[in-house]
Structures are given as C-alpha cells and as structure tokens.
Amino acid sequence: TTEGCLVASTNRGCSALRRAGGVSSSVVNDGMTRAPVVRFPSAKLAADVKIWLEKQENFAQVKAEFDSTSRFARLQSVSTAIAGRLLFIRFKAKTGDAMGMNMVSKASVCFTSVFSLSGRLLGSGKGVEKTADRFSFNGNC
C-alpha cells in the first residue's frame, strides 16, 4: 500500500522491533478465509447442501470449481454451519505469496452464486444441477 499513515505506522513498528533485538516467528497455519452466507427457501434445502458440502468425496469437485477462479488460490478446506434457512460456508485457501483477500472473495462469491435462488431449487443459468443428493458444477465460474 502507499497510504502514508499506514506506511509511517509500519515503519515505526519495525524500528521499535529492531531496537528491541528483532523478532523470531513461525508460521503454524497459513490461509485466507471467507465465510459467505446463503439463504435457501427452506431449512431442508440448506441442510441438503450442508450435507453435500461436508462429504469428503465431494471436496475434489468443490476444490476444482473454487481453484478455477484464480491462478493462485488453492482451496484447503470447507466448513459449514447452519441456522434454519441460512447456511454459512467457510472457505479456507492458500494464496501463494499474496495476502489473497480479493482472490478468495472472488472464488467464494463465484462458488456461492451457483446457489442463488429465484423460486426454483437452484438457478439453472449458473451451470448447476441437483439430483437426489448430488450437485454438479459445469465450470461456469
């Protein structure tokens, strides 16, 4: 960033750390998260999507769709929480050397847009079809 106040503040902090003898650190967990919420027409449909997203055998499909939105964002995990018709989906991704806030936001919005509802079960214009317990993505992100 080139914002003057942020640069000055960062410089003061680095100077103070250097005068104090430096800093040692370790990265124990690396990833950018985004947690959009999707409102479904029913709690049953929200639960169906939650169950589908949490099945290990579906992760590769979710990851492929998510990863297709960026050259660098790589999905690490998906977790969910439900509250009635609301499904909270937390995406965690590695973003290379970038902070990655925008790339993970873009992928999250793209992925959750397939669940945009307009009175139908799922919007067919977004390349999604639902069968009994399976959602399929047609690479339209």
C-alpha atoms as a PDB file:
ATOM      1  CA  THR A   1       0.000   0.000   0.000  1.00  0.00           C
ATOM      2  CA  THR A   2       1.066   3.569  -0.458  1.00  0.00           C
ATOM      3  CA  GLU A   3      -1.219   5.051   2.158  1.00  0.00           C
ATOM      4  CA  GLY A   4       1.001   7.464   4.071  1.00  0.00           C
ATOM      5  CA  CYS A   5      -0.324   6.776   7.581  1.00  0.00           C
ATOM      6  CA  LEU A   6      -0.065   3.014   7.179  1.00  0.00           C
ATOM      7  CA  VAL A   7       3.476   3.204   5.838  1.00  0.00           C
ATOM      8  CA  ALA A   8       4.571   5.533   8.660  1.00  0.00           C
ATOM      9  CA  SER A   9       2.966   3.319  11.296  1.00  0.00           C
ATOM     10  CA  THR A  10       4.600   0.193   9.863  1.00  0.00           C
ATOM     11  CA  ASN A  11       7.998   1.903   9.805  1.00  0.00           C
ATOM     12  CA  ARG A  12       7.650   2.955  13.457  1.00  0.00           C
ATOM     13  CA  GLY A  13       6.708  -0.584  14.439  1.00  0.00           C
ATOM     14  CA  CYS A  14       9.630  -2.120  12.544  1.00  0.00           C
ATOM     15  CA  SER A  15      12.051   0.381  14.089  1.00  0.00           C
ATOM     16  CA  ALA A  16      10.816  -0.441  17.590  1.00  0.00           C
ATOM     17  CA  LEU A  17      11.161  -4.190  16.953  1.00  0.00           C
ATOM     18  CA  ARG A  18      14.677  -3.757  15.541  1.00  0.00           C
ATOM     19  CA  ARG A  19      15.766  -1.678  18.575  1.00  0.00           C
ATOM     20  CA  ALA A  20      14.305  -4.343  20.879  1.00  0.00           C
ATOM     21  CA  GLY A  21      16.536  -7.032  19.369  1.00  0.00           C
ATOM     22  CA  GLY A  22      14.455  -8.284  16.464  1.00  0.00           C
ATOM     23  CA  VAL A  23      11.703 -10.855  16.140  1.00  0.00           C
ATOM     24  CA  SER A  24      11.549 -14.592  15.542  1.00  0.00           C
ATOM     25  CA  SER A  25       8.391 -16.202  14.276  1.00  0.00           C
ATOM     26  CA  SER A  26       6.953 -19.433  12.924  1.00  0.00           C
ATOM     27  CA  VAL A  27       4.015 -19.956  10.617  1.00  0.00           C
ATOM     28  CA  VAL A  28       1.811 -22.677  12.062  1.00  0.00           C
ATOM     29  CA  ASN A  29      -1.280 -22.160   9.935  1.00  0.00           C
ATOM     30  CA  ASP A  30      -1.468 -20.316   6.631  1.00  0.00           C
ATOM     31  CA  GLY A  31      -4.625 -19.495   4.741  1.00  0.00           C
ATOM     32  CA  MET A  32      -7.153 -16.814   3.877  1.00  0.00           C
ATOM     33  CA  THR A  33     -10.774 -17.440   4.816  1.00  0.00           C
ATOM     34  CA  ARG A  34     -14.089 -16.117   3.626  1.00  0.00           C
ATOM     35  CA  ALA A  35     -17.441 -17.146   5.056  1.00  0.00           C
ATOM     36  CA  PRO A  36     -20.388 -16.122   2.880  1.00  0.00           C
ATOM     37  CA  VAL A  37     -23.929 -16.917   3.951  1.00  0.00           C
ATOM     38  CA  VAL A  38     -26.530 -18.332   1.583  1.00  0.00           C
ATOM     39  CA  ARG A  39     -30.255 -18.109   2.361  1.00  0.00           C
ATOM     40  CA  PHE A  40     -32.272 -21.007   0.985  1.00  0.00           C
ATOM     41  CA  PRO A  41     -36.043 -21.218   0.543  1.00  0.00           C
ATOM     42  CA  SER A  42     -36.187 -23.959   3.182  1.00  0.00           C
ATOM     43  CA  ALA A  43     -34.165 -25.343   6.069  1.00  0.00           C
ATOM     44  CA  LYS A  44     -34.344 -28.745   4.352  1.00  0.00           C
ATOM     45  CA  LEU A  45     -32.555 -27.467   1.245  1.00  0.00           C
ATOM     46  CA  ALA A  46     -29.954 -25.670   3.381  1.00  0.00           C
ATOM     47  CA  ALA A  47     -29.358 -28.950   5.241  1.00  0.00           C
ATOM     48  CA  ASP A  48     -29.087 -30.884   1.954  1.00  0.00           C
ATOM     49  CA  VAL A  49     -26.396 -28.508   0.693  1.00  0.00           C
ATOM     50  CA  LYS A  50     -24.583 -28.639   4.062  1.00  0.00           C
ATOM     51  CA  ILE A  51     -24.526 -32.438   3.985  1.00  0.00           C
ATOM     52  CA  TRP A  52     -23.328 -32.453   0.381  1.00  0.00           C
ATOM     53  CA  LEU A  53     -20.538 -29.941   1.065  1.00  0.00           C
ATOM     54  CA  GLU A  54     -19.316 -31.928   4.082  1.00  0.00           C
ATOM     55  CA  LYS A  55     -18.999 -35.241   2.239  1.00  0.00           C
ATOM     56  CA  GLN A  56     -15.317 -35.948   1.683  1.00  0.00           C
ATOM     57  CA  GLU A  57     -15.976 -37.428  -1.765  1.00  0.00           C
ATOM     58  CA  ASN A  58     -17.361 -34.056  -2.958  1.00  0.00           C
ATOM     59  CA  PHE A  59     -14.346 -31.983  -1.880  1.00  0.00           C
ATOM     60  CA  ALA A  60     -12.409 -32.599  -5.120  1.00  0.00           C
ATOM     61  CA  GLN A  61     -15.315 -31.221  -7.148  1.00  0.00           C
ATOM     62  CA  VAL A  62     -15.695 -28.183  -4.880  1.00  0.00           C
ATOM     63  CA  LYS A  63     -11.929 -27.606  -4.948  1.00  0.00           C
ATOM     64  CA  ALA A  64     -11.738 -27.807  -8.741  1.00  0.00           C
ATOM     65  CA  GLU A  65     -14.523 -25.238  -9.128  1.00  0.00           C
ATOM     66  CA  PHE A  66     -13.048 -22.928  -6.468  1.00  0.00           C
ATOM     67  CA  ASP A  67      -9.480 -23.200  -7.814  1.00  0.00           C
ATOM     68  CA  SER A  68     -10.644 -22.448 -11.372  1.00  0.00           C
ATOM     69  CA  THR A  69     -11.285 -18.811 -10.401  1.00  0.00           C
ATOM     70  CA  SER A  70      -7.623 -17.934  -9.768  1.00  0.00           C
ATOM     71  CA  ARG A  71      -4.100 -18.835 -10.830  1.00  0.00           C
ATOM     72  CA  PHE A  72      -3.001 -18.805  -7.186  1.00  0.00           C
ATOM     73  CA  ALA A  73      -5.913 -19.509  -4.798  1.00  0.00           C
ATOM     74  CA  ARG A  74      -5.982 -23.180  -3.771  1.00  0.00           C
ATOM     75  CA  LEU A  75      -8.819 -24.391  -1.584  1.00  0.00           C
ATOM     76  CA  GLN A  76      -7.661 -26.165   1.569  1.00  0.00           C
ATOM     77  CA  SER A  77     -10.934 -26.764   3.382  1.00  0.00           C
ATOM     78  CA  VAL A  78     -14.638 -26.028   3.547  1.00  0.00           C
ATOM     79  CA  SER A  79     -16.637 -25.971   6.763  1.00  0.00           C
ATOM     80  CA  THR A  80     -20.276 -25.120   7.305  1.00  0.00           C
ATOM     81  CA  ALA A  81     -22.715 -24.022   9.977  1.00  0.00           C
ATOM     82  CA  ILE A  82     -26.456 -23.874   9.613  1.00  0.00           C
ATOM     83  CA  ALA A  83     -29.118 -21.705  11.222  1.00  0.00           C
ATOM     84  CA  GLY A  84     -32.532 -22.505   9.818  1.00  0.00           C
ATOM     85  CA  ARG A  85     -32.562 -21.484   6.139  1.00  0.00           C
ATOM     86  CA  LEU A  86     -29.133 -19.833   6.431  1.00  0.00           C
ATOM     87  CA  LEU A  87     -26.021 -21.790   5.504  1.00  0.00           C
ATOM     88  CA  PHE A  88     -22.671 -20.271   6.489  1.00  0.00           C
ATOM     89  CA  ILE A  89     -19.877 -21.665   4.308  1.00  0.00           C
ATOM     90  CA  ARG A  90     -16.267 -21.029   5.373  1.00  0.00           C
ATOM     91  CA  PHE A  91     -13.710 -21.420   2.605  1.00  0.00           C
ATOM     92  CA  LYS A  92     -10.024 -21.592   3.537  1.00  0.00           C
ATOM     93  CA  ALA A  93      -7.454 -21.269   0.779  1.00  0.00           C
ATOM     94  CA  LYS A  94      -3.728 -20.877   0.271  1.00  0.00           C
ATOM     95  CA  THR A  95      -2.967 -17.793  -1.784  1.00  0.00           C
ATOM     96  CA  GLY A  96       0.712 -18.078  -2.616  1.00  0.00           C
ATOM     97  CA  ASP A  97       2.779 -15.018  -1.754  1.00  0.00           C
ATOM     98  CA  ALA A  98      -0.236 -12.711  -1.879  1.00  0.00           C
ATOM     99  CA  MET A  99      -2.473 -11.819   1.027  1.00  0.00           C
ATOM    100  CA  GLY A 100      -5.240 -13.130  -1.215  1.00  0.00           C
ATOM    101  CA  MET A 101      -8.260 -11.375   0.241  1.00  0.00           C
ATOM    102  CA  ASN A 102      -9.650 -10.442  -3.181  1.00  0.00           C
ATOM    103  CA  MET A 103      -8.950 -13.762  -4.885  1.00  0.00           C
ATOM    104  CA  VAL A 104     -10.615 -15.765  -2.099  1.00  0.00           C
ATOM    105  CA  SER A 105     -13.550 -13.348  -2.048  1.00  0.00           C
ATOM    106  CA  LYS A 106     -13.958 -13.739  -5.807  1.00  0.00           C
ATOM    107  CA  ALA A 107     -13.866 -17.530  -5.614  1.00  0.00           C
ATOM    108  CA  SER A 108     -16.311 -17.576  -2.692  1.00  0.00           C
ATOM    109  CA  VAL A 109     -18.786 -15.319  -4.457  1.00  0.00           C
ATOM    110  CA  CYS A 110     -18.481 -17.317  -7.663  1.00  0.00           C
ATOM    111  CA  PHE A 111     -18.936 -20.618  -5.871  1.00  0.00           C
ATOM    112  CA  THR A 112     -21.885 -19.498  -3.761  1.00  0.00           C
ATOM    113  CA  SER A 113     -23.560 -17.812  -6.751  1.00  0.00           C
ATOM    114  CA  VAL A 114     -24.457 -21.277  -8.003  1.00  0.00           C
ATOM    115  CA  PHE A 115     -26.813 -21.463  -5.038  1.00  0.00           C
ATOM    116  CA  SER A 116     -28.519 -18.168  -5.910  1.00  0.00           C
ATOM    117  CA  LEU A 117     -32.172 -18.925  -5.781  1.00  0.00           C
ATOM    118  CA  SER A 118     -35.031 -17.418  -7.708  1.00  0.00           C
ATOM    119  CA  GLY A 119     -38.009 -19.504  -6.675  1.00  0.00           C
ATOM    120  CA  ARG A 120     -36.547 -22.656  -8.187  1.00  0.00           C
ATOM    121  CA  LEU A 121     -34.459 -25.280  -6.462  1.00  0.00           C
ATOM    122  CA  LEU A 122     -31.243 -23.943  -7.990  1.00  0.00           C
ATOM    123  CA  GLY A 123     -30.628 -21.387 -10.715  1.00  0.00           C
ATOM    124  CA  SER A 124     -30.081 -23.376 -13.905  1.00  0.00           C
ATOM    125  CA  GLY A 125     -28.387 -20.401 -15.576  1.00  0.00           C
ATOM    126  CA  LYS A 126     -25.378 -20.790 -13.277  1.00  0.00           C
ATOM    127  CA  GLY A 127     -24.490 -24.279 -14.523  1.00  0.00           C
ATOM    128  CA  VAL A 128     -25.730 -26.280 -11.559  1.00  0.00           C
ATOM    129  CA  GLU A 129     -27.988 -29.267 -11.474  1.00  0.00           C
ATOM    130  CA  LYS A 130     -29.267 -31.055  -8.381  1.00  0.00           C
ATOM    131  CA  THR A 131     -30.156 -34.686  -8.228  1.00  0.00           C
ATOM    132  CA  ALA A 132     -31.170 -36.607  -5.115  1.00  0.00           C
ATOM    133  CA  ASP A 133     -28.032 -35.924  -3.082  1.00  0.00           C
ATOM    134  CA  ARG A 134     -25.516 -34.514  -5.538  1.00  0.00           C
ATOM    135  CA  PHE A 135     -24.776 -31.115  -7.006  1.00  0.00           C
ATOM    136  CA  SER A 136     -22.795 -30.841 -10.209  1.00  0.00           C
ATOM    137  CA  PHE A 137     -20.914 -27.776 -11.396  1.00  0.00           C
ATOM    138  CA  ASN A 138     -20.383 -27.147 -15.060  1.00  0.00           C
ATOM    139  CA  GLY A 139     -17.382 -24.842 -14.763  1.00  0.00           C
ATOM    140  CA  ASN A 140     -19.221 -21.551 -15.193  1.00  0.00           C
ATOM    141  CA  CYS A 141     -17.335 -19.521 -12.576  1.00  0.00           C
END
